[in-house]
Amino acid sequence: MNWVQDLLTNPNSIAHIVALYSFVTAAGVLLGKIKFFGISLGVTFVLFVGILVGHFGFTGNPAILSFLQDFGLILFVFCIGLQVGPSFFSSFKKGGITMNLLAVGIVALNITVALVMYYALQGRVELPMMVGILCGAVTNTPGLGAANEALQQLSYQGPEIAMGYACAYPLGVMGIILSLIVIRFICRVNLTQESEEIQRGEEANPHLKPYTISLRVENTALNGKNLLQVQTFLARDFVCTRIIQEGHMNTPNANTVLHIGDLMFIVCAEDDSEAIMAFIGPKVEDVNWNDPSYQEKPMVSRRILITQPNINGKTLGELHFSSMYGVNVTRVNRSGMDLFAARQLTLQVGDRVMVVGPQDAIERVANLLGNQLKRLDHPNIVTIFIGILCGILFGSLPIAIPGMPTPVKLGLAGGPLIISILIGRFGHKVKLVTYTTMSANLMLREVGLVLFLASVGIKAGENFVQTVVEGDGLLYVGIGFLITFIPLVIIGMVARWHHKINYYTLMGLIAGSNTDPPALAYANQVSGNDAPAVGYSTVYPLTMFLRILTAQLLILLLA
């Protein structure tokens, strides 16, 4: 039976390490599905199972544990960056600016409360442990990884900060949801009125949303002018998908000449529609655009999937669909959202474009764009590992900050995160295909996360029970709750009373500012609409970036 003993206890055995991680991960994920008061901790339970097995002496070679911890962290943050990259910069537009500023306020207040508690306790809690408590209080695992990585740069030999994280995390999840309930009570929120407000579309973005309209040309100044000249005069982007001239319907292009009385079917941004009507002519309600008597060739509309890598990064204007193929693109669906097909819109692999025109012309466009779903089933491994390599190089660059004795490095968390965000947004400019199916991204991300959490838990387990029972574990729990609760209630009231943000959107904003899926699940359950998801996705990219970066900077600047 020596082989059993070797499998269970030999810290240098590869079989022991794999078996240990498999058990910790499987048990943690299964236990994480159990709900307490309707809330589950999810995959984070892997950390607690790791602590448990570490407490009972099941561990591994420290070098192997550190490698798996760091590699898991890199995979996790890189996949997060790829996911949020395309929307990272656009989230600052229009109403997103206010929401992101509120999220920044939450991050800043979290740090402020943590530092106030640190100085008020007069050194009873070390700064690295306070950062661990902060990461647990805001339920941000990547921040814990960044802080750990920064401590490695400083050759830190103190207690594992994961203990502070583990103490603060459970009540952190509860504190976020409790803050939502308290804000609802203080601000006297009427859920019925909030739902009606959402239904009226007050949260929609009228510039991105495609809008269709039928117009009759009555502006005499347009008689004899072509479509390109009209768009230039109007200084508004629109697509004319079909036009009826002298009783015949066809697909117009930039050189199509307009005449008084022509009927145009136009797709534009919703907030541009009034200006376009005022310039071209009145709206017409009784036109049957599917009437076969108008059509020399049957007009069809079809969604085409972009799978050709050589289309990645090109704008709609560069492809000349109207003049070369006789079709018009009316909208582009990206990650479930319909975007107006402006000429300057950059296309990416994975986009679905809505094309209108004759059947034979649409088939030619489909061949040009690819439209082969199987191509998207294969992950772009080259892009992932080129990005990781560049991220590690970038994270290793020393950055000199005045007043600091040693340069700061973004490290294995900050470097890959920033590079992955940039690749997700601008990778097409250097011919990198960044499209990855949501399932593939989620798989890599979850594998990285469980490797990181299992490693941290196993390493922290040896001293965890002693710290909680005999040490300051209950103090960590109390500090964590204050870090979670105070900023959310303050910013929540500011968002409601000053910025008049819809309560359902605010729920998503608060969940996103803590990058907390359980809180988002609670918000979705309460709301029954998409508003929490909109708020969550608007602030999530910037918040995730700030959580990772500030956790590291707190260690490097103050420790």
Protein backbone atom coordinates (compact mmCIF):
# COMPACT_ATOMS: atom_id res chain seq x y z
CA MET A 1 0.00 0.00 0.00
CA ASN A 2 2.99 2.27 -0.28
CA TRP A 3 1.66 3.65 -3.54
CA VAL A 4 -1.46 4.95 -1.76
CA GLN A 5 0.62 6.68 0.89
CA ASP A 6 2.89 8.14 -1.80
CA LEU A 7 -0.12 9.39 -3.78
CA LEU A 8 -1.62 11.10 -0.73
CA THR A 9 1.44 12.50 1.01
CA ASN A 10 4.44 12.87 -1.34
CA PRO A 11 4.57 16.65 -2.04
CA ASN A 12 7.00 16.17 -4.93
CA SER A 13 4.88 13.61 -6.78
CA ILE A 14 3.15 14.90 -9.93
CA ALA A 15 0.34 12.39 -9.35
CA HIS A 16 -0.13 13.76 -5.82
CA ILE A 17 -0.30 17.38 -7.08
CA VAL A 18 -2.79 16.55 -9.85
CA ALA A 19 -4.96 14.47 -7.51
CA LEU A 20 -4.89 17.19 -4.86
CA TYR A 21 -5.93 19.93 -7.28
CA SER A 22 -8.60 17.72 -8.83
CA PHE A 23 -10.15 16.99 -5.43
CA VAL A 24 -9.99 20.61 -4.25
CA THR A 25 -11.49 21.91 -7.49
CA ALA A 26 -14.26 19.32 -7.80
CA ALA A 27 -15.28 19.58 -4.14
CA GLY A 28 -15.10 23.38 -4.17
CA VAL A 29 -17.23 23.77 -7.30
CA LEU A 30 -19.86 21.33 -6.02
CA LEU A 31 -20.05 22.93 -2.57
CA GLY A 32 -20.14 26.38 -4.20
CA LYS A 33 -23.52 25.52 -5.73
CA ILE A 34 -25.13 25.20 -2.29
CA LYS A 35 -27.19 28.29 -1.50
CA PHE A 36 -27.20 30.01 1.88
CA PHE A 37 -30.26 32.28 2.24
CA GLY A 38 -30.63 32.09 -1.55
CA ILE A 39 -27.01 33.04 -2.25
CA SER A 40 -24.18 30.78 -3.41
CA LEU A 41 -20.46 31.57 -3.29
CA GLY A 42 -19.83 29.82 -6.60
CA VAL A 43 -16.34 28.85 -7.66
CA THR A 44 -14.79 30.86 -4.80
CA PHE A 45 -15.58 27.88 -2.53
CA VAL A 46 -12.50 26.25 -4.10
CA LEU A 47 -10.45 28.59 -1.90
CA PHE A 48 -12.12 27.32 1.28
CA VAL A 49 -11.69 23.66 0.32
CA GLY A 50 -8.03 24.39 -0.42
CA ILE A 51 -7.67 25.95 3.04
CA LEU A 52 -9.30 22.88 4.59
CA VAL A 53 -7.00 20.32 2.92
CA GLY A 54 -4.00 22.56 3.63
CA HIS A 55 -4.96 22.64 7.30
CA PHE A 56 -4.89 18.83 7.43
CA GLY A 57 -1.41 18.73 5.93
CA PHE A 58 -2.17 17.92 2.29
CA THR A 59 0.15 20.18 0.35
CA GLY A 60 2.70 20.13 -2.46
CA ASN A 61 6.09 21.35 -3.53
CA PRO A 62 6.07 25.15 -2.93
CA ALA A 63 7.65 25.79 -6.33
CA ILE A 64 4.91 23.82 -8.11
CA LEU A 65 2.17 25.52 -6.07
CA SER A 66 3.58 28.94 -6.93
CA PHE A 67 3.83 28.07 -10.64
CA LEU A 68 0.22 26.86 -10.82
CA GLN A 69 -0.94 29.90 -8.84
CA ASP A 70 0.79 32.38 -11.15
CA PHE A 71 -0.13 30.56 -14.37
CA GLY A 72 -3.76 30.35 -13.27
CA LEU A 73 -3.76 34.06 -12.47
CA ILE A 74 -2.33 34.93 -15.88
CA LEU A 75 -4.94 32.83 -17.70
CA PHE A 76 -7.73 34.34 -15.62
CA VAL A 77 -6.88 38.02 -16.01
CA PHE A 78 -5.94 37.64 -19.69
CA CYS A 79 -9.28 36.06 -20.58
CA ILE A 80 -11.08 38.79 -18.60
CA GLY A 81 -9.19 41.41 -20.60
CA LEU A 82 -10.13 39.78 -23.91
CA GLN A 83 -13.76 39.73 -22.84
CA VAL A 84 -13.99 43.35 -21.67
CA GLY A 85 -11.55 44.84 -24.19
CA PRO A 86 -14.03 45.54 -27.02
CA SER A 87 -16.34 47.47 -24.67
CA PHE A 88 -13.69 48.99 -22.38
CA PHE A 89 -13.36 52.33 -24.16
CA SER A 90 -16.93 52.57 -25.49
CA SER A 91 -18.25 52.20 -21.92
CA PHE A 92 -17.10 55.78 -21.25
CA LYS A 93 -19.47 57.27 -23.83
CA LYS A 94 -22.57 59.26 -22.94
CA GLY A 95 -24.41 57.87 -19.89
CA GLY A 96 -21.58 55.42 -19.29
CA ILE A 97 -19.37 58.26 -18.07
CA THR A 98 -21.62 58.96 -15.10
CA MET A 99 -21.93 55.29 -14.21
CA ASN A 100 -18.19 54.70 -14.45
CA LEU A 101 -17.48 57.77 -12.33
CA LEU A 102 -19.82 56.37 -9.66
CA ALA A 103 -18.00 53.04 -9.87
CA VAL A 104 -14.65 54.82 -9.49
CA GLY A 105 -16.13 56.54 -6.43
CA ILE A 106 -16.97 53.14 -4.93
CA VAL A 107 -13.43 51.89 -5.58
CA ALA A 108 -11.93 55.04 -4.04
CA LEU A 109 -14.17 54.85 -0.96
CA ASN A 110 -13.34 51.14 -0.49
CA ILE A 111 -9.66 52.03 -0.38
CA THR A 112 -10.32 55.04 1.86
CA VAL A 113 -12.24 52.99 4.42
CA ALA A 114 -9.52 50.32 4.36
CA LEU A 115 -6.76 52.88 4.98
CA VAL A 116 -8.78 54.62 7.70
CA MET A 117 -9.23 51.28 9.47
CA TYR A 118 -5.53 50.47 9.01
CA TYR A 119 -4.36 53.71 10.64
CA ALA A 120 -7.13 53.67 13.29
CA LEU A 121 -6.07 50.23 14.46
CA GLN A 122 -2.49 51.54 14.82
CA GLY A 123 -0.70 48.63 13.21
CA ARG A 124 -2.76 45.81 14.72
CA VAL A 125 -3.44 44.67 11.15
CA GLU A 126 -0.48 44.76 8.76
CA LEU A 127 -0.99 46.60 5.48
CA PRO A 128 -0.62 43.49 3.27
CA MET A 129 -3.29 41.73 5.34
CA MET A 130 -5.51 44.82 5.08
CA VAL A 131 -5.18 44.65 1.30
CA GLY A 132 -6.19 40.98 1.46
CA ILE A 133 -9.24 41.94 3.53
CA LEU A 134 -10.04 44.69 1.01
CA CYS A 135 -9.94 42.21 -1.90
CA GLY A 136 -12.23 39.83 -0.01
CA ALA A 137 -14.61 42.61 1.00
CA VAL A 138 -15.08 43.66 -2.64
CA THR A 139 -15.11 39.99 -3.77
CA ASN A 140 -12.31 40.57 -6.27
CA THR A 141 -10.07 37.53 -6.70
CA PRO A 142 -7.80 39.03 -9.41
CA GLY A 143 -6.97 41.85 -7.00
CA LEU A 144 -5.82 39.27 -4.47
CA GLY A 145 -3.62 37.73 -7.14
CA ALA A 146 -2.14 41.10 -8.03
CA ALA A 147 -1.42 41.87 -4.38
CA ASN A 148 0.22 38.46 -3.90
CA GLU A 149 2.36 39.03 -6.96
CA ALA A 150 3.42 42.47 -5.69
CA LEU A 151 4.39 40.95 -2.34
CA GLN A 152 6.61 38.47 -4.16
CA GLN A 153 8.43 41.42 -5.74
CA LEU A 154 9.09 42.76 -2.23
CA SER A 155 10.17 39.32 -0.89
CA TYR A 156 7.38 39.45 1.70
CA GLN A 157 7.72 36.80 4.43
CA GLY A 158 4.60 37.56 6.51
CA PRO A 159 1.35 35.58 6.84
CA GLU A 160 -0.66 34.64 3.75
CA ILE A 161 -2.98 37.54 2.92
CA ALA A 162 -5.45 35.00 1.54
CA MET A 163 -6.52 34.47 5.16
CA GLY A 164 -7.83 38.04 5.29
CA TYR A 165 -9.48 37.53 1.91
CA ALA A 166 -11.18 34.31 3.04
CA CYS A 167 -12.44 35.91 6.26
CA ALA A 168 -13.91 38.94 4.48
CA TYR A 169 -15.32 37.28 1.35
CA PRO A 170 -18.52 35.56 2.60
CA LEU A 171 -19.81 38.62 4.43
CA GLY A 172 -18.64 40.72 1.47
CA VAL A 173 -21.15 38.93 -0.76
CA MET A 174 -23.87 39.36 1.87
CA GLY A 175 -22.88 43.00 2.41
CA ILE A 176 -23.34 43.87 -1.27
CA ILE A 177 -26.84 42.42 -1.33
CA LEU A 178 -27.69 44.01 2.04
CA SER A 179 -26.59 47.40 0.70
CA LEU A 180 -29.02 46.99 -2.24
CA ILE A 181 -31.86 46.35 0.22
CA VAL A 182 -30.85 49.30 2.44
CA ILE A 183 -30.64 51.68 -0.55
CA ARG A 184 -34.09 50.55 -1.67
CA PHE A 185 -35.46 51.29 1.82
CA ILE A 186 -33.69 54.65 2.33
CA CYS A 187 -34.53 55.96 -1.14
CA ARG A 188 -38.10 54.62 -0.98
CA VAL A 189 -37.83 52.86 -4.31
CA ASN A 190 -41.08 51.82 -5.99
CA LEU A 191 -40.17 48.72 -8.01
CA THR A 192 -43.25 49.02 -10.23
CA GLN A 193 -42.32 52.54 -11.26
CA GLU A 194 -38.73 51.49 -11.91
CA SER A 195 -39.92 48.67 -14.17
CA GLU A 196 -42.19 51.02 -16.10
CA GLU A 197 -39.31 53.42 -16.58
CA ILE A 198 -37.19 50.63 -18.05
CA GLN A 199 -40.03 49.58 -20.34
CA ARG A 200 -40.36 53.11 -21.68
CA GLY A 201 -36.82 52.76 -22.95
CA GLU A 202 -35.31 55.63 -21.01
CA GLU A 203 -32.10 53.65 -20.56
CA ALA A 204 -31.65 52.87 -24.28
CA ASN A 205 -28.81 54.43 -26.23
CA PRO A 206 -30.52 56.17 -29.19
CA HIS A 207 -27.32 56.58 -31.14
CA LEU A 208 -26.38 52.90 -31.30
CA LYS A 209 -29.91 51.58 -31.76
CA PRO A 210 -30.84 51.09 -35.44
CA TYR A 211 -34.04 52.83 -36.52
CA THR A 212 -36.01 52.15 -39.72
CA ILE A 213 -38.15 54.71 -41.48
CA SER A 214 -39.85 55.20 -44.88
CA LEU A 215 -39.53 58.70 -46.41
CA ARG A 216 -40.80 60.51 -49.53
CA VAL A 217 -38.28 62.88 -51.16
CA GLU A 218 -39.82 66.37 -51.14
CA ASN A 219 -36.84 68.66 -50.63
CA THR A 220 -36.40 70.31 -54.03
CA ALA A 221 -32.72 70.94 -53.29
CA LEU A 222 -32.14 67.17 -53.46
CA ASN A 223 -33.61 66.74 -56.95
CA GLY A 224 -30.85 65.43 -59.20
CA LYS A 225 -28.41 64.84 -56.33
CA ASN A 226 -26.99 61.40 -55.62
CA LEU A 227 -27.05 59.59 -52.29
CA LEU A 228 -23.42 60.35 -51.49
CA GLN A 229 -24.03 64.09 -51.94
CA VAL A 230 -27.11 63.89 -49.70
CA GLN A 231 -25.16 62.19 -46.92
CA THR A 232 -22.40 64.78 -47.25
CA PHE A 233 -24.86 67.70 -47.07
CA LEU A 234 -26.76 66.19 -44.14
CA ALA A 235 -23.65 65.22 -42.13
CA ARG A 236 -25.63 62.29 -40.71
CA ASP A 237 -24.87 58.64 -41.36
CA PHE A 238 -27.73 56.58 -42.79
CA VAL A 239 -28.24 53.58 -45.07
CA CYS A 240 -30.88 53.54 -47.82
CA THR A 241 -31.59 49.83 -48.30
CA ARG A 242 -34.33 50.15 -50.95
CA ILE A 243 -35.71 52.91 -53.14
CA ILE A 244 -38.86 53.08 -55.33
CA GLN A 245 -38.47 55.23 -58.45
CA GLU A 246 -41.17 55.39 -61.11
CA GLY A 247 -42.87 52.32 -59.70
CA HIS A 248 -39.74 50.15 -59.63
CA MET A 249 -37.86 49.07 -56.54
CA ASN A 250 -34.10 48.56 -56.53
CA THR A 251 -31.10 48.58 -54.22
CA PRO A 252 -29.47 52.03 -54.35
CA ASN A 253 -25.78 52.83 -54.18
CA ALA A 254 -23.77 55.99 -53.59
CA ASN A 255 -24.35 57.14 -57.22
CA THR A 256 -28.14 56.65 -57.25
CA VAL A 257 -29.76 59.96 -58.27
CA LEU A 258 -32.78 61.13 -56.27
CA HIS A 259 -35.94 62.73 -57.69
CA ILE A 260 -38.91 64.42 -56.11
CA GLY A 261 -41.47 61.78 -55.11
CA ASP A 262 -39.00 58.91 -54.69
CA LEU A 263 -39.72 56.60 -51.75
CA MET A 264 -36.74 55.61 -49.58
CA PHE A 265 -36.46 52.91 -46.92
CA ILE A 266 -33.79 54.19 -44.51
CA VAL A 267 -31.93 52.70 -41.55
CA CYS A 268 -30.23 55.21 -39.26
CA ALA A 269 -29.32 55.88 -35.65
CA GLU A 270 -32.48 56.61 -33.67
CA ASP A 271 -31.40 60.07 -32.52
CA ASP A 272 -30.59 61.07 -36.14
CA SER A 273 -34.06 60.23 -37.49
CA GLU A 274 -35.67 63.65 -36.89
CA ALA A 275 -32.88 65.50 -38.69
CA ILE A 276 -33.02 63.10 -41.65
CA MET A 277 -36.82 63.50 -41.96
CA ALA A 278 -36.53 67.28 -41.83
CA PHE A 279 -33.89 67.26 -44.58
CA ILE A 280 -35.27 64.67 -47.03
CA GLY A 281 -39.04 64.67 -46.61
CA PRO A 282 -41.99 63.40 -44.58
CA LYS A 283 -42.47 59.96 -43.13
CA VAL A 284 -44.65 57.57 -45.16
CA GLU A 285 -46.62 54.86 -43.37
CA ASP A 286 -48.44 52.95 -46.14
CA VAL A 287 -45.57 51.57 -48.25
CA ASN A 288 -45.43 47.77 -48.64
CA TRP A 289 -41.75 47.17 -49.28
CA ASN A 290 -42.41 43.46 -49.84
CA ASP A 291 -44.90 44.03 -52.67
CA PRO A 292 -43.61 41.85 -55.57
CA SER A 293 -45.06 44.22 -58.18
CA TYR A 294 -42.34 46.75 -57.29
CA GLN A 295 -39.46 44.30 -57.63
CA GLU A 296 -37.63 43.29 -60.76
CA LYS A 297 -35.54 40.96 -58.56
CA PRO A 298 -36.84 39.68 -55.21
CA MET A 299 -35.25 41.55 -52.33
CA VAL A 300 -34.25 39.50 -49.31
CA SER A 301 -32.62 40.31 -45.99
CA ARG A 302 -30.19 37.95 -44.32
CA ARG A 303 -27.74 37.84 -41.41
CA ILE A 304 -24.24 36.83 -42.50
CA LEU A 305 -21.56 35.70 -40.05
CA ILE A 306 -18.06 37.12 -40.52
CA THR A 307 -15.55 34.26 -40.34
CA GLN A 308 -12.93 35.33 -42.90
CA PRO A 309 -9.81 36.55 -41.05
CA ASN A 310 -8.94 39.01 -43.85
CA ILE A 311 -12.17 40.95 -43.13
CA ASN A 312 -11.11 41.49 -39.49
CA GLY A 313 -10.37 45.19 -38.89
CA LYS A 314 -11.85 46.55 -42.11
CA THR A 315 -14.53 49.22 -42.04
CA LEU A 316 -17.85 48.91 -43.82
CA GLY A 317 -16.88 51.76 -46.10
CA GLU A 318 -13.76 49.93 -47.30
CA LEU A 319 -15.76 46.93 -48.54
CA HIS A 320 -18.03 48.93 -50.92
CA PHE A 321 -21.00 46.56 -50.53
CA SER A 322 -23.41 48.90 -52.31
CA SER A 323 -21.35 49.83 -55.38
CA MET A 324 -19.59 46.48 -55.93
CA TYR A 325 -22.23 43.95 -54.87
CA GLY A 326 -25.53 45.79 -55.09
CA VAL A 327 -26.48 45.17 -51.47
CA ASN A 328 -26.71 47.33 -48.38
CA VAL A 329 -25.70 46.53 -44.80
CA THR A 330 -28.25 47.91 -42.34
CA ARG A 331 -26.93 46.79 -38.95
CA VAL A 332 -24.23 44.75 -37.28
CA ASN A 333 -24.85 42.44 -34.33
CA ARG A 334 -21.88 42.18 -31.98
CA SER A 335 -22.00 40.19 -28.74
CA GLY A 336 -25.80 40.24 -28.82
CA MET A 337 -26.10 44.01 -29.43
CA ASP A 338 -27.35 45.55 -32.70
CA LEU A 339 -25.17 48.42 -33.93
CA PHE A 340 -26.02 50.87 -36.68
CA ALA A 341 -23.98 50.10 -39.79
CA ALA A 342 -22.04 53.36 -40.10
CA ARG A 343 -19.42 53.50 -42.83
CA GLN A 344 -16.62 53.94 -40.28
CA LEU A 345 -17.72 50.93 -38.17
CA THR A 346 -14.87 48.44 -37.89
CA LEU A 347 -15.85 44.83 -38.50
CA GLN A 348 -14.54 41.93 -36.43
CA VAL A 349 -14.59 38.17 -36.83
CA GLY A 350 -17.73 36.92 -35.10
CA ASP A 351 -19.91 39.89 -36.12
CA ARG A 352 -23.25 39.18 -37.79
CA VAL A 353 -24.18 41.69 -40.49
CA MET A 354 -27.72 42.24 -41.74
CA VAL A 355 -27.61 42.51 -45.55
CA VAL A 356 -30.45 43.55 -47.88
CA GLY A 357 -30.43 42.99 -51.64
CA PRO A 358 -31.08 40.46 -54.42
CA GLN A 359 -30.55 36.81 -53.52
CA ASP A 360 -27.61 36.24 -55.90
CA ALA A 361 -25.80 39.35 -54.65
CA ILE A 362 -26.24 38.30 -51.03
CA GLU A 363 -24.72 34.90 -51.83
CA ARG A 364 -21.61 36.64 -53.22
CA VAL A 365 -21.34 38.75 -50.06
CA ALA A 366 -21.75 35.62 -47.90
CA ASN A 367 -18.81 34.01 -49.72
CA LEU A 368 -16.76 37.18 -49.19
CA LEU A 369 -17.44 37.34 -45.43
CA GLY A 370 -17.10 33.60 -44.85
CA ASN A 371 -20.39 32.72 -43.12
CA GLN A 372 -19.00 29.38 -41.94
CA LEU A 373 -19.86 28.72 -38.30
CA LYS A 374 -17.35 25.86 -37.98
CA ARG A 375 -14.47 28.30 -38.39
CA LEU A 376 -15.42 30.00 -35.14
CA ASP A 377 -15.33 26.72 -33.22
CA HIS A 378 -11.52 26.68 -33.34
CA PRO A 379 -9.95 28.97 -30.72
CA ASN A 380 -7.25 31.41 -31.81
CA ILE A 381 -4.45 29.97 -29.70
CA VAL A 382 -1.79 32.11 -31.41
CA THR A 383 -3.45 35.36 -30.31
CA ILE A 384 -3.84 34.12 -26.73
CA PHE A 385 -0.21 33.15 -26.24
CA ILE A 386 1.22 36.11 -28.16
CA GLY A 387 -0.85 38.28 -25.85
CA ILE A 388 0.33 36.47 -22.73
CA LEU A 389 3.96 36.79 -23.86
CA CYS A 390 3.57 40.53 -24.53
CA GLY A 391 1.70 40.93 -21.22
CA ILE A 392 4.50 39.30 -19.22
CA LEU A 393 7.11 41.45 -20.99
CA PHE A 394 5.05 44.59 -20.35
CA GLY A 395 4.43 43.60 -16.73
CA SER A 396 8.17 43.12 -16.21
CA LEU A 397 9.07 46.63 -17.33
CA PRO A 398 10.30 48.75 -14.39
CA ILE A 399 8.33 52.00 -14.05
CA ALA A 400 10.12 54.71 -12.09
CA ILE A 401 7.83 56.73 -9.77
CA PRO A 402 9.25 59.86 -8.08
CA GLY A 403 9.77 59.35 -4.38
CA MET A 404 9.97 55.57 -4.56
CA PRO A 405 13.33 53.91 -3.91
CA THR A 406 12.68 51.10 -6.41
CA PRO A 407 10.79 51.08 -9.73
CA VAL A 408 7.27 49.63 -9.84
CA LYS A 409 6.31 46.71 -12.09
CA LEU A 410 2.79 45.88 -13.19
CA GLY A 411 3.68 42.21 -12.75
CA LEU A 412 1.95 39.02 -13.84
CA ALA A 413 -1.53 40.42 -13.18
CA GLY A 414 -1.39 44.03 -14.39
CA GLY A 415 0.74 43.42 -17.51
CA PRO A 416 -1.37 40.68 -19.13
CA LEU A 417 -4.58 42.50 -18.16
CA ILE A 418 -3.62 45.75 -19.91
CA ILE A 419 -2.28 43.96 -22.99
CA SER A 420 -5.38 41.76 -23.28
CA ILE A 421 -7.67 44.80 -23.06
CA LEU A 422 -5.68 46.51 -25.83
CA ILE A 423 -5.66 43.35 -27.97
CA GLY A 424 -9.39 42.87 -27.43
CA ARG A 425 -10.03 46.40 -28.68
CA PHE A 426 -7.27 47.05 -31.23
CA GLY A 427 -5.96 43.58 -32.13
CA HIS A 428 -7.53 43.75 -35.58
CA LYS A 429 -5.22 46.63 -36.46
CA VAL A 430 -2.23 44.27 -36.26
CA LYS A 431 -4.12 41.41 -37.95
CA LEU A 432 -4.72 39.47 -34.72
CA VAL A 433 -8.03 37.60 -34.71
CA THR A 434 -9.26 38.11 -31.16
CA TYR A 435 -12.60 36.37 -31.50
CA THR A 436 -13.11 33.57 -29.00
CA THR A 437 -16.43 31.90 -28.32
CA MET A 438 -17.91 32.79 -24.95
CA SER A 439 -17.72 29.15 -23.88
CA ALA A 440 -14.01 28.90 -24.76
CA ASN A 441 -13.22 32.15 -22.95
CA LEU A 442 -15.20 31.06 -19.91
CA MET A 443 -13.50 27.65 -19.84
CA LEU A 444 -9.98 29.13 -19.88
CA ARG A 445 -10.98 31.76 -17.34
CA GLU A 446 -12.53 29.25 -14.93
CA VAL A 447 -9.57 26.86 -15.23
CA GLY A 448 -7.19 29.72 -14.44
CA LEU A 449 -9.35 30.85 -11.52
CA VAL A 450 -9.62 27.43 -9.86
CA LEU A 451 -5.86 26.84 -10.25
CA PHE A 452 -5.20 30.17 -8.56
CA LEU A 453 -7.76 29.71 -5.77
CA ALA A 454 -6.71 26.13 -5.04
CA SER A 455 -3.04 27.15 -4.83
CA VAL A 456 -3.74 30.10 -2.53
CA GLY A 457 -5.99 28.01 -0.30
CA ILE A 458 -3.55 25.11 0.04
CA LYS A 459 -0.69 27.48 0.89
CA ALA A 460 -2.78 29.43 3.43
CA GLY A 461 -4.42 26.41 5.06
CA GLU A 462 -1.65 25.54 7.47
CA ASN A 463 -2.16 28.63 9.67
CA PHE A 464 -5.73 29.61 8.79
CA VAL A 465 -7.65 27.99 11.68
CA GLN A 466 -5.18 29.30 14.24
CA THR A 467 -5.52 32.82 12.79
CA VAL A 468 -9.32 32.76 12.88
CA VAL A 469 -9.77 31.06 16.25
CA GLU A 470 -6.87 32.47 18.24
CA GLY A 471 -5.97 35.51 16.17
CA ASP A 472 -7.83 38.38 14.55
CA GLY A 473 -10.18 36.45 12.26
CA LEU A 474 -13.35 38.05 13.64
CA LEU A 475 -11.70 41.48 13.38
CA TYR A 476 -10.99 40.78 9.71
CA VAL A 477 -14.66 39.91 9.18
CA GLY A 478 -15.82 43.17 10.78
CA ILE A 479 -13.32 45.32 8.86
CA GLY A 480 -14.32 43.63 5.62
CA PHE A 481 -18.00 44.30 6.18
CA LEU A 482 -17.38 48.02 6.77
CA ILE A 483 -15.22 48.21 3.63
CA THR A 484 -18.04 46.61 1.66
CA PHE A 485 -21.09 48.32 3.11
CA ILE A 486 -20.20 51.98 3.74
CA PRO A 487 -19.07 52.94 0.20
CA LEU A 488 -21.99 51.17 -1.50
CA VAL A 489 -24.65 52.90 0.60
CA ILE A 490 -23.04 56.35 0.15
CA ILE A 491 -22.60 56.06 -3.63
CA GLY A 492 -25.98 54.35 -3.98
CA MET A 493 -27.75 57.33 -2.41
CA VAL A 494 -25.74 59.77 -4.58
CA ALA A 495 -26.68 57.79 -7.69
CA ARG A 496 -30.38 57.80 -6.79
CA TRP A 497 -30.84 61.32 -5.41
CA HIS A 498 -28.42 63.29 -7.56
CA HIS A 499 -28.08 61.34 -10.82
CA LYS A 500 -31.59 59.80 -10.82
CA ILE A 501 -30.30 56.41 -11.95
CA ASN A 502 -32.90 53.70 -12.28
CA TYR A 503 -32.79 51.33 -9.29
CA TYR A 504 -32.46 48.20 -11.44
CA THR A 505 -29.56 49.73 -13.35
CA LEU A 506 -28.06 50.81 -10.02
CA MET A 507 -28.23 47.21 -8.79
CA GLY A 508 -26.14 46.14 -11.78
CA LEU A 509 -23.76 49.06 -11.24
CA ILE A 510 -23.15 48.04 -7.63
CA ALA A 511 -22.68 44.38 -8.56
CA GLY A 512 -20.31 45.37 -11.37
CA SER A 513 -18.31 47.74 -9.18
CA ASN A 514 -17.57 44.73 -6.96
CA THR A 515 -17.22 42.36 -9.95
CA ASP A 516 -19.61 40.08 -8.06
CA PRO A 517 -21.70 37.55 -10.07
CA PRO A 518 -23.82 36.43 -7.04
CA ALA A 519 -24.99 40.03 -6.57
CA LEU A 520 -25.82 40.26 -10.28
CA ALA A 521 -27.80 37.02 -10.03
CA TYR A 522 -29.76 38.49 -7.11
CA ALA A 523 -30.41 41.69 -9.10
CA ASN A 524 -31.62 39.72 -12.13
CA GLN A 525 -33.94 37.69 -9.93
CA VAL A 526 -35.48 40.83 -8.40
CA SER A 527 -35.75 42.84 -11.63
CA GLY A 528 -36.89 40.40 -14.29
CA ASN A 529 -35.37 42.64 -17.01
CA ASP A 530 -31.97 43.36 -18.60
CA ALA A 531 -31.27 46.62 -16.77
CA PRO A 532 -28.95 45.09 -14.11
CA ALA A 533 -26.92 43.37 -16.83
CA VAL A 534 -26.55 46.71 -18.66
CA GLY A 535 -25.33 48.45 -15.50
CA TYR A 536 -23.01 45.55 -14.67
CA SER A 537 -21.41 45.40 -18.13
CA THR A 538 -21.01 49.19 -18.31
CA VAL A 539 -18.81 49.48 -15.21
CA TYR A 540 -17.28 46.00 -15.06
CA PRO A 541 -14.33 46.61 -17.47
CA LEU A 542 -13.00 49.74 -15.75
CA THR A 543 -13.72 48.42 -12.26
CA MET A 544 -11.91 45.14 -12.87
CA PHE A 545 -8.92 47.06 -14.20
CA LEU A 546 -8.89 49.40 -11.18
CA ARG A 547 -9.35 46.61 -8.64
CA ILE A 548 -6.34 44.72 -9.99
CA LEU A 549 -4.14 47.78 -10.37
CA THR A 550 -4.96 49.47 -7.05
CA ALA A 551 -4.45 46.29 -5.01
CA GLN A 552 -0.97 46.05 -6.44
CA LEU A 553 -0.16 49.74 -6.07
CA LEU A 554 -1.27 49.79 -2.42
CA ILE A 555 1.30 47.10 -1.68
CA LEU A 556 4.10 48.65 -3.75
CA LEU A 557 3.56 52.23 -2.60
CA LEU A 558 2.76 51.77 1.09
CA ALA A 559 4.15 48.41 2.24
